[in-house]
Protein backbone atom coordinates (compact mmCIF):
# COMPACT_ATOMS: atom_id res chain seq x y z
CA MET A 1 40.32 -15.13 -35.74
CA ILE A 2 38.61 -18.40 -36.71
CA LEU A 3 38.12 -19.17 -40.33
CA ASP A 4 35.85 -21.85 -41.75
CA PRO A 5 38.00 -24.53 -43.33
CA ILE A 6 38.00 -24.70 -47.11
CA LEU A 7 37.78 -28.22 -48.44
CA ILE A 8 40.31 -28.62 -51.24
CA PRO A 9 39.84 -31.68 -53.45
CA LEU A 10 42.60 -34.16 -53.02
CA PRO A 11 44.54 -35.29 -56.07
CA GLY A 12 42.62 -37.84 -58.00
CA ASP A 13 39.23 -36.89 -56.50
CA PRO A 14 36.58 -35.58 -58.85
CA ALA A 15 35.69 -31.96 -58.48
CA ASP A 16 31.93 -32.71 -58.12
CA ILE A 17 31.13 -35.56 -55.68
CA PRO A 18 27.63 -36.92 -56.30
CA PRO A 19 25.45 -37.44 -53.18
CA PRO A 20 25.33 -40.99 -51.85
CA PRO A 21 22.37 -42.99 -53.06
CA GLN A 22 19.37 -43.13 -50.64
CA GLU A 23 18.88 -46.65 -49.26
CA PRO A 24 15.23 -47.63 -49.53
CA PRO A 25 13.46 -48.63 -46.26
CA VAL A 26 13.37 -52.31 -45.52
CA ASP A 27 10.00 -53.85 -46.19
CA VAL A 28 9.52 -55.87 -42.95
CA GLU A 29 6.89 -58.54 -43.00
CA SER A 30 4.95 -58.69 -39.73
CA ILE A 31 1.96 -60.55 -38.35
CA PRO A 32 -0.67 -58.93 -36.11
CA GLU A 33 -0.35 -60.08 -32.52
CA GLU A 34 -3.92 -61.35 -32.44
CA GLU A 35 -2.92 -63.83 -35.15
CA LEU A 36 -0.01 -65.19 -33.15
CA GLU A 37 -2.28 -67.45 -31.11
CA GLU A 38 -1.47 -71.11 -31.58
CA GLU A 39 -3.59 -72.60 -34.32
CA LEU A 40 -5.86 -75.47 -33.46
CA PRO A 41 -5.25 -78.82 -35.10
CA GLU A 42 -7.28 -79.31 -38.26
CA ASP A 43 -8.99 -82.38 -36.82
CA VAL A 44 -10.57 -80.52 -33.86
CA PRO A 45 -14.37 -80.87 -34.14
CA ALA A 46 -16.28 -77.65 -34.71
CA ASP A 47 -18.10 -77.96 -31.37
CA ARG A 48 -14.74 -77.90 -29.54
CA ASP A 49 -13.33 -74.92 -31.38
CA PRO A 50 -13.58 -71.94 -28.96
CA THR A 51 -13.30 -69.46 -31.85
CA ARG A 52 -16.65 -70.70 -33.17
CA TRP A 53 -18.64 -70.84 -29.94
CA HIS A 54 -19.89 -67.28 -30.29
CA ASP A 55 -21.49 -68.25 -33.62
CA ALA A 56 -23.59 -71.00 -32.05
CA ILE A 57 -27.34 -70.48 -32.07
CA GLN A 58 -27.82 -72.83 -29.15
CA PHE A 59 -25.89 -75.24 -26.94
CA GLU A 60 -26.93 -78.76 -26.10
CA VAL A 61 -27.15 -79.13 -22.32
CA THR A 62 -27.12 -82.69 -21.03
CA PRO A 63 -27.12 -83.83 -17.39
CA VAL A 64 -23.90 -85.37 -16.12
CA ILE A 65 -25.47 -86.64 -12.90
CA ALA A 66 -29.20 -87.24 -12.53
CA GLU A 67 -29.89 -88.78 -9.13
CA GLU A 68 -32.42 -88.35 -6.34
CA THR A 69 -29.66 -87.23 -3.95
CA ASN A 70 -29.88 -83.48 -4.65
CA ASP A 71 -26.40 -83.06 -6.14
CA ARG A 72 -25.41 -79.38 -6.42
CA ASP A 73 -22.67 -76.74 -6.16
CA VAL A 74 -20.48 -78.40 -8.76
CA SER A 75 -16.88 -77.29 -9.34
CA PRO A 76 -14.55 -78.81 -11.96
CA SER A 77 -10.95 -79.69 -11.21
CA PRO A 78 -8.29 -77.43 -12.75
CA ASP A 79 -7.56 -79.98 -15.48
CA GLY A 80 -11.28 -80.49 -16.20
CA ARG A 81 -11.12 -84.24 -15.65
CA SER A 82 -13.08 -84.43 -12.38
CA LEU A 83 -16.02 -82.79 -10.67
CA ALA A 84 -16.46 -82.00 -6.99
CA PHE A 85 -20.01 -81.46 -5.75
CA ARG A 86 -22.18 -81.53 -2.65
CA ARG A 87 -24.52 -84.47 -2.22
CA GLY A 88 -27.43 -84.65 0.18
CA ARG A 89 -26.96 -82.86 3.46
CA GLY A 90 -23.25 -82.15 3.12
CA ASP A 91 -21.15 -84.92 1.58
CA LEU A 92 -18.35 -83.80 -0.73
CA VAL A 93 -18.21 -86.19 -3.68
CA ILE A 94 -15.60 -86.48 -6.47
CA ARG A 95 -16.60 -87.84 -9.88
CA ASP A 96 -14.17 -88.90 -12.59
CA LEU A 97 -15.69 -87.66 -15.84
CA GLU A 98 -14.01 -90.28 -18.02
CA SER A 99 -14.83 -93.38 -16.02
CA GLY A 100 -17.94 -92.09 -14.22
CA GLU A 101 -16.55 -93.40 -10.93
CA GLU A 102 -17.71 -91.54 -7.81
CA ARG A 103 -16.31 -91.53 -4.29
CA THR A 104 -17.22 -89.59 -1.19
CA LEU A 105 -14.19 -87.54 -0.18
CA VAL A 106 -15.69 -85.90 2.91
CA GLU A 107 -18.77 -86.99 4.81
CA GLY A 108 -20.78 -84.40 6.70
CA TRP A 109 -24.08 -82.74 7.44
CA ASP A 110 -23.03 -79.13 6.81
CA SER A 111 -25.06 -77.92 3.83
CA PHE A 112 -23.05 -74.66 3.86
CA MET A 113 -19.65 -76.30 3.39
CA GLN A 114 -17.37 -74.35 1.03
CA TRP A 115 -14.41 -75.74 -0.88
CA ARG A 116 -11.81 -74.95 -3.55
CA TRP A 117 -9.51 -77.13 -5.63
CA SER A 118 -5.81 -76.43 -5.33
CA PRO A 119 -4.40 -75.11 -8.64
CA ASP A 120 -2.55 -78.36 -9.33
CA GLY A 121 -5.67 -80.41 -8.55
CA ARG A 122 -3.93 -82.46 -5.85
CA TYR A 123 -5.79 -81.03 -2.86
CA ILE A 124 -9.12 -79.56 -1.86
CA ALA A 125 -9.42 -76.93 0.87
CA TYR A 126 -12.82 -76.77 2.53
CA SER A 127 -14.55 -75.02 5.41
CA GLN A 128 -16.89 -77.16 7.50
CA ASN A 129 -19.00 -76.52 10.59
CA ASP A 130 -18.79 -78.80 13.60
CA LEU A 131 -21.16 -79.49 16.49
CA ASP A 132 -19.51 -76.79 18.62
CA PHE A 133 -20.75 -73.91 16.45
CA SER A 134 -17.32 -73.51 14.90
CA ALA A 135 -16.12 -73.69 11.29
CA ASN A 136 -12.54 -74.59 10.48
CA ILE A 137 -10.62 -74.97 7.22
CA PHE A 138 -9.27 -78.37 6.26
CA VAL A 139 -7.00 -79.52 3.44
CA VAL A 140 -7.40 -83.04 2.07
CA PRO A 141 -5.78 -84.86 -0.87
CA ALA A 142 -8.28 -85.02 -3.74
CA ASP A 143 -7.56 -88.71 -4.23
CA GLY A 144 -8.47 -89.49 -0.62
CA SER A 145 -5.02 -90.90 0.13
CA ALA A 146 -4.81 -89.15 3.52
CA GLU A 147 -7.10 -87.77 6.19
CA PRO A 148 -8.09 -84.07 6.16
CA VAL A 149 -5.83 -81.73 8.14
CA ASN A 150 -7.27 -78.82 10.11
CA ILE A 151 -5.04 -75.87 9.19
CA THR A 152 -6.82 -73.14 11.21
CA ARG A 153 -7.74 -74.76 14.56
CA HIS A 154 -9.78 -71.99 16.11
CA PRO A 155 -13.09 -72.03 18.03
CA ARG A 156 -14.59 -69.26 15.87
CA ASN A 157 -15.53 -69.35 12.18
CA ASP A 158 -13.00 -69.61 9.34
CA LEU A 159 -14.63 -69.44 5.90
CA ASN A 160 -14.03 -69.07 2.15
CA PRO A 161 -10.61 -70.68 1.55
CA ARG A 162 -8.80 -69.35 -1.54
CA TRP A 163 -5.55 -70.70 -3.08
CA SER A 164 -2.72 -68.92 -4.82
CA ALA A 165 -1.57 -70.34 -8.16
CA ASP A 166 1.60 -71.84 -6.71
CA GLY A 167 -0.34 -73.55 -3.90
CA ARG A 168 1.92 -72.06 -1.23
CA LYS A 169 -0.57 -69.54 0.18
CA LEU A 170 -4.19 -69.68 1.26
CA THR A 171 -6.47 -66.83 2.34
CA PHE A 172 -9.80 -66.90 4.17
CA ILE A 173 -12.12 -64.74 6.25
CA SER A 174 -12.65 -65.21 9.97
CA ASN A 175 -14.30 -63.61 12.99
CA ARG A 176 -11.64 -65.01 15.34
CA SER A 177 -10.59 -61.50 16.42
CA GLY A 178 -14.04 -60.12 17.17
CA GLU A 179 -17.57 -59.97 15.90
CA ASN A 180 -16.63 -58.82 12.40
CA TYR A 181 -15.05 -60.92 9.68
CA ASP A 182 -11.57 -59.93 8.56
CA LEU A 183 -9.19 -61.29 5.95
CA TYR A 184 -6.45 -63.74 6.97
CA ARG A 185 -3.74 -65.71 5.20
CA VAL A 186 -1.69 -68.77 5.98
CA TYR A 187 1.57 -69.85 4.37
CA LEU A 188 1.35 -73.56 3.59
CA ASP A 189 5.06 -73.50 2.77
CA ARG A 190 7.01 -72.90 5.98
CA ASP A 191 9.98 -71.38 4.14
CA ILE A 192 8.04 -68.24 3.19
CA GLU A 193 7.67 -67.28 6.85
CA SER A 194 11.46 -66.96 7.15
CA TYR A 195 11.87 -64.65 4.13
CA THR A 196 13.40 -61.23 4.70
CA PRO A 197 11.31 -58.23 3.56
CA ARG A 198 13.34 -58.05 0.34
CA GLU A 199 12.96 -61.78 -0.32
CA LEU A 200 9.24 -61.63 0.43
CA SER A 201 8.69 -58.67 -1.89
CA THR A 202 10.70 -60.43 -4.60
CA TYR A 203 8.68 -63.60 -4.12
CA TYR A 204 5.36 -61.78 -4.57
CA ARG A 205 6.66 -59.90 -7.60
CA ASN A 206 7.80 -63.09 -9.28
CA ALA A 207 4.55 -64.87 -8.41
CA ARG A 208 2.59 -62.03 -10.00
CA ASN A 209 4.67 -62.15 -13.19
CA GLN A 210 4.26 -65.91 -13.45
CA ALA A 211 0.50 -65.56 -13.05
CA LEU A 212 0.35 -62.97 -15.82
CA ALA A 213 1.91 -65.53 -18.17
CA GLN A 214 -0.84 -68.09 -17.55
CA SER A 215 -3.13 -69.15 -20.38
CA PRO A 216 -6.15 -71.48 -20.64
CA LEU A 217 -5.61 -75.17 -21.18
CA PRO A 218 -5.54 -76.24 -24.85
CA VAL A 219 -8.64 -77.77 -26.36
CA ASP A 220 -6.81 -80.81 -27.68
CA ASP A 221 -5.95 -83.33 -24.95
CA ALA A 222 -2.75 -84.22 -26.76
CA GLN A 223 -1.48 -80.69 -26.14
CA ASP A 224 -1.94 -80.84 -22.38
CA ALA A 225 1.07 -79.82 -20.36
CA THR A 226 2.77 -82.67 -18.61
CA GLU A 227 2.99 -82.81 -14.87
CA ALA A 228 6.78 -82.67 -15.12
CA ASP A 229 6.55 -79.15 -16.54
CA ARG A 230 4.76 -77.90 -13.44
CA GLU A 231 6.51 -77.05 -10.22
CA VAL A 232 4.77 -78.88 -7.41
CA ALA A 233 4.68 -77.24 -4.00
CA GLU A 234 5.18 -79.47 -0.98
CA LEU A 235 2.59 -78.44 1.60
CA GLU A 236 3.43 -78.42 5.30
CA LEU A 237 0.00 -78.65 6.89
CA GLU A 238 0.31 -80.02 10.40
CA ASP A 239 1.64 -76.78 11.90
CA ALA A 240 0.09 -74.41 9.35
CA TRP A 241 -2.30 -73.03 11.98
CA ARG A 242 0.70 -71.45 13.71
CA ARG A 243 1.42 -69.38 10.58
CA VAL A 244 -2.01 -67.72 10.28
CA GLU A 245 -1.68 -63.94 9.80
CA ARG A 246 -4.33 -61.24 10.00
CA ILE A 247 -4.44 -59.02 6.91
CA THR A 248 -7.24 -56.55 7.66
CA ALA A 249 -8.63 -55.09 10.87
CA SER A 250 -11.88 -53.30 10.09
CA PRO A 251 -15.06 -52.49 12.01
CA ALA A 252 -17.01 -53.71 8.95
CA HIS A 253 -17.31 -57.25 7.64
CA GLN A 254 -14.88 -58.30 4.91
CA THR A 255 -16.75 -60.75 2.68
CA ALA A 256 -16.74 -62.34 -0.79
CA ASN A 257 -12.96 -62.66 -0.67
CA GLU A 258 -10.86 -63.67 -3.65
CA MET A 259 -7.10 -63.75 -4.24
CA THR A 260 -5.22 -63.18 -7.48
CA PRO A 261 -3.33 -66.20 -8.87
CA GLY A 262 -0.04 -64.65 -7.81
CA GLY A 263 -1.39 -64.16 -4.30
CA ASP A 264 -0.19 -60.56 -4.45
CA ARG A 265 -3.60 -58.87 -4.43
CA TYR A 266 -6.86 -59.43 -2.57
CA VAL A 267 -10.44 -58.62 -3.56
CA PHE A 268 -13.26 -58.37 -1.03
CA ASN A 269 -16.35 -56.44 0.05
CA ALA A 270 -15.42 -53.89 2.72
CA GLY A 271 -18.71 -52.77 4.24
CA SER A 272 -20.01 -49.46 2.92
CA GLU A 273 -16.77 -48.93 1.01
CA GLY A 274 -17.92 -51.47 -1.53
CA LEU A 275 -15.81 -53.93 -3.51
CA VAL A 276 -12.11 -53.17 -3.09
CA ALA A 277 -8.74 -54.58 -4.16
CA MET A 278 -5.61 -54.38 -2.03
CA ASP A 279 -1.99 -55.48 -2.33
CA TRP A 280 -0.63 -58.24 -0.12
CA ASP A 281 1.12 -55.71 2.14
CA GLY A 282 -2.00 -53.56 2.62
CA SER A 283 -0.97 -50.89 0.11
CA ASN A 284 -2.60 -49.77 -3.14
CA ARG A 285 -6.15 -50.10 -1.83
CA THR A 286 -8.56 -49.39 -4.69
CA ARG A 287 -12.34 -49.30 -4.88
CA ILE A 288 -13.56 -51.40 -7.79
CA GLY A 289 -17.33 -51.12 -7.52
CA PRO A 290 -20.32 -51.54 -5.21
CA SER A 291 -20.64 -54.40 -2.75
CA ALA A 292 -21.23 -57.43 -4.93
CA ASN A 293 -21.48 -61.16 -5.22
CA VAL A 294 -17.99 -61.95 -6.50
CA GLN A 295 -17.93 -64.83 -8.99
CA HIS A 296 -14.27 -65.23 -9.86
CA LEU A 297 -11.14 -63.57 -11.24
CA ASN A 298 -9.84 -64.08 -14.74
CA ILE A 299 -6.92 -66.45 -15.26
CA THR A 300 -4.26 -63.74 -14.85
CA GLY A 301 -5.96 -61.98 -11.94
CA GLU A 302 -6.30 -58.65 -13.72
CA GLN A 303 -10.11 -58.59 -13.81
CA VAL A 304 -12.95 -59.63 -11.53
CA VAL A 305 -16.41 -60.85 -12.50
CA TYR A 306 -19.18 -59.96 -10.09
CA ILE A 307 -22.96 -59.57 -9.80
CA ALA A 308 -24.43 -56.39 -8.33
CA ASN A 309 -28.06 -55.28 -8.44
CA GLY A 310 -28.90 -58.18 -10.72
CA ARG A 311 -26.29 -57.25 -13.34
CA VAL A 312 -23.10 -59.09 -14.29
CA ALA A 313 -20.04 -56.84 -14.52
CA VAL A 314 -16.35 -57.19 -15.34
CA ALA A 315 -13.99 -54.70 -13.70
CA ASN A 316 -10.24 -54.11 -13.66
CA LEU A 317 -8.51 -54.68 -10.33
CA SER A 318 -6.39 -51.63 -11.05
CA GLY A 319 -9.52 -49.49 -10.80
CA SER A 320 -8.96 -48.06 -14.27
CA GLY A 321 -11.96 -47.57 -16.50
CA SER A 322 -15.58 -48.28 -15.70
CA PRO A 323 -17.04 -51.74 -15.10
CA ARG A 324 -18.24 -53.46 -18.25
CA TYR A 325 -21.77 -54.80 -17.82
CA LEU A 326 -22.75 -57.98 -19.66
CA ASP A 327 -26.47 -57.35 -19.89
CA ILE A 328 -28.80 -59.88 -21.46
CA SER A 329 -32.28 -59.00 -22.63
CA ASP A 330 -34.87 -61.57 -23.66
CA ARG A 331 -38.50 -62.54 -23.27
CA LEU A 332 -39.40 -65.62 -21.28
CA ARG A 333 -42.62 -67.56 -21.22
CA ILE A 334 -43.11 -69.03 -17.76
CA ASP A 335 -45.63 -71.69 -16.80
CA LEU A 336 -46.69 -70.24 -13.47
CA ARG A 337 -48.29 -73.48 -12.32
CA GLN A 338 -45.09 -75.44 -12.95
CA GLN A 339 -43.05 -72.66 -11.36
CA ALA A 340 -45.16 -72.79 -8.21
CA LEU A 341 -44.81 -76.56 -8.06
CA GLN A 342 -41.05 -76.28 -8.45
CA LYS A 343 -40.85 -73.72 -5.66
CA PHE A 344 -42.90 -75.97 -3.42
CA HIS A 345 -40.70 -79.01 -4.00
CA GLU A 346 -37.55 -76.94 -3.44
CA ALA A 347 -38.91 -75.68 -0.12
CA ALA A 348 -39.93 -79.20 0.90
CA ARG A 349 -36.48 -80.51 0.01
CA VAL A 350 -34.74 -77.86 2.11
CA ILE A 351 -37.00 -78.59 5.08
CA GLY A 352 -36.43 -82.33 4.83
CA GLU A 353 -32.66 -82.08 4.37
CA ASN A 354 -32.03 -79.62 7.18
CA PHE A 355 -34.15 -81.18 9.90
CA TYR A 356 -32.01 -81.94 12.92
CA ARG A 357 -32.86 -85.66 12.83
CA THR A 358 -32.23 -87.67 9.70
CA ASP A 359 -35.11 -90.07 10.47
CA LEU A 360 -37.50 -87.09 10.62
CA LYS A 361 -38.89 -88.62 13.82
CA GLY A 362 -40.71 -91.28 11.84
CA LEU A 363 -42.57 -88.88 9.58
CA ASP A 364 -43.13 -90.17 6.04
CA TRP A 365 -41.98 -86.92 4.52
CA PRO A 366 -42.26 -87.88 0.80
CA ALA A 367 -45.85 -88.97 1.32
CA VAL A 368 -46.71 -85.74 3.14
CA VAL A 369 -45.08 -83.65 0.41
CA GLU A 370 -47.03 -85.46 -2.30
CA GLU A 371 -50.32 -84.82 -0.51
CA TYR A 372 -49.64 -81.09 -0.32
CA ALA A 373 -48.29 -81.01 -3.88
CA ALA A 374 -51.73 -82.13 -5.09
CA LEU A 375 -53.15 -78.95 -3.53
CA ILE A 376 -50.36 -76.78 -4.93
CA ARG A 377 -51.32 -77.92 -8.42
CA ARG A 378 -54.77 -76.44 -7.83
CA ALA A 379 -53.58 -73.17 -6.27
CA ARG A 380 -54.39 -70.10 -8.36
CA THR A 381 -53.02 -67.22 -6.28
CA SER A 382 -49.88 -66.51 -4.28
CA SER A 383 -51.99 -66.33 -1.16
CA GLU A 384 -53.26 -69.87 -1.69
CA PHE A 385 -49.69 -71.03 -2.31
CA SER A 386 -48.53 -69.45 0.96
CA ASP A 387 -51.41 -71.02 2.91
CA ILE A 388 -50.58 -74.50 1.64
CA ALA A 389 -46.85 -74.08 2.25
CA ASN A 390 -47.57 -72.91 5.80
CA ARG A 391 -49.76 -75.95 6.39
CA LEU A 392 -46.86 -78.11 5.24
CA MET A 393 -44.70 -76.50 7.89
CA GLY A 394 -47.50 -77.12 10.39
CA SER A 395 -47.24 -80.85 9.82
CA TRP A 396 -44.03 -80.75 11.89
CA ARG A 397 -45.59 -79.16 14.94
CA PRO A 398 -46.81 -82.14 16.95
CA ARG A 399 -43.46 -83.93 16.66
CA THR A 400 -40.82 -81.23 16.62
CA TRP A 401 -41.46 -78.07 18.57
CA GLY A 402 -44.29 -79.34 20.75
CA TRP A 403 -46.87 -76.89 19.44
CA PRO A 404 -50.47 -77.90 20.13
CA THR A 405 -52.55 -78.99 17.16
CA ARG A 406 -55.96 -77.57 16.48
CA ASP A 407 -59.02 -79.68 15.91
CA ARG A 408 -59.82 -77.60 12.89
CA CYS A 409 -57.90 -75.12 10.71
CA ARG A 410 -59.05 -72.29 8.51
CA PRO A 411 -59.74 -73.63 5.02
CA CYS A 412 -58.10 -72.33 1.87
CA ALA A 413 -60.90 -70.26 0.40
CA SER A 414 -61.01 -71.08 -3.29
CA LEU A 415 -59.58 -74.58 -2.83
CA ARG A 416 -62.41 -75.59 -0.49
CA ALA A 417 -59.97 -77.91 1.24
CA GLY A 418 -60.92 -79.39 4.58
CA TRP A 419 -58.19 -79.76 7.20
CA VAL A 420 -58.81 -82.45 9.76
CA SER A 421 -56.53 -83.27 12.67
CA ASN A 422 -56.12 -87.03 12.94
CA THR A 423 -55.01 -88.05 16.44
CA ASN A 424 -55.10 -91.76 15.75
CA ALA A 425 -51.97 -93.33 17.23
CA SER A 426 -51.36 -95.39 14.10
CA SER A 427 -51.08 -92.21 12.04
CA ARG A 428 -48.33 -90.86 14.35
CA ASN A 429 -50.39 -87.71 14.91
CA ARG A 430 -49.80 -86.56 11.34
CA THR A 431 -52.23 -83.95 10.09
CA ALA A 432 -54.27 -85.39 7.22
CA VAL A 433 -55.27 -83.21 4.28
CA SER A 434 -57.99 -83.84 1.75
CA ALA A 435 -59.21 -81.69 -1.11
CA ILE A 436 -62.99 -81.48 -1.05
CA ALA A 437 -63.43 -79.83 -4.41
CA SER A 438 -61.39 -78.53 -7.29
CA PRO A 439 -61.03 -74.76 -7.78
CA ARG A 440 -64.13 -72.87 -8.74
């Protein structure tokens, strides 16, 4: 038999023991996480304070480079101190924003050359076509201290180089294994190739975690991280082509490739499957959205910004949630005459830049363009615009493709322009154009 024990007060203890006093909860002072961001110095001008940019009614846009050399496709260096851009037919030029000094890093004629800065800003990887109908990927020091190194060395096309944040990996697309483009990678650090599966998995995990800790550069130059705080990868480029690995093997083209900063996940268009994300080992394949024009990933690699069907969207690489569309609605007043003239000059520029001979076979192209531009200014319909643009193309015929010229061409109806073929030797067989009357 078990009896409940009876508590007998010990000598000296009071018969009635009062309950212990209740300790009040500690009043802990906390700060919301969104307020933990580092405060900007008080002397930062208002126009450099990112927290105030969304309040701006307008931004002042000023040209950095205004030359007659058709400078385009600009990309800033990771530290924001330099610009890389294409000049003319295909030169890659670097401009120091502080000094304004410019230097041609790569000379070429390939107007479709693609490039990317390395994350530490020391190198630029670029894809360039050669005269053998092949495109290879090269890596060159951004300061021009050494010659470019071909890291793919293949007779087919290697395009769209993309760096990882540590600079030790590079991905690209290529049709080297068939007619379709697949995704490839190359380890620029030879040591990675010798990793065991456990070491390789650990490396990618650590690279992903380091990328997730990245943050934008501070606004104040004095707060910039020093180069000593950054681990610099030593690239081994000469034999990098031997370490190229194929990542995907698909009957559909893989395009618009991007790689997360950790290099652990890839984003690309996969044919009818749409825009997908995939881990470095081929697992965790996730559809993100429709086939799109991929712009870039965010700084941690968790989201992708793309354009599809004319709309800008932001989507999670995890596939969770729906894409967030950043729609803009506004009314524009367009000067159709100026728009037509701009279109005409853009078309003329493309024709002149991409002709297979830089001397244009002696044709005074600017003078020809100006003659036709005078007619474009008088054009009132899209049909008239097309007729004049086609006549501009016709000015190449006697000297390029060997097409016969006609003694007389059909006039542009409302322009009442007469088209006379001038076969005088001194005019180099250039078709002369004269406007007989202004529009009715």
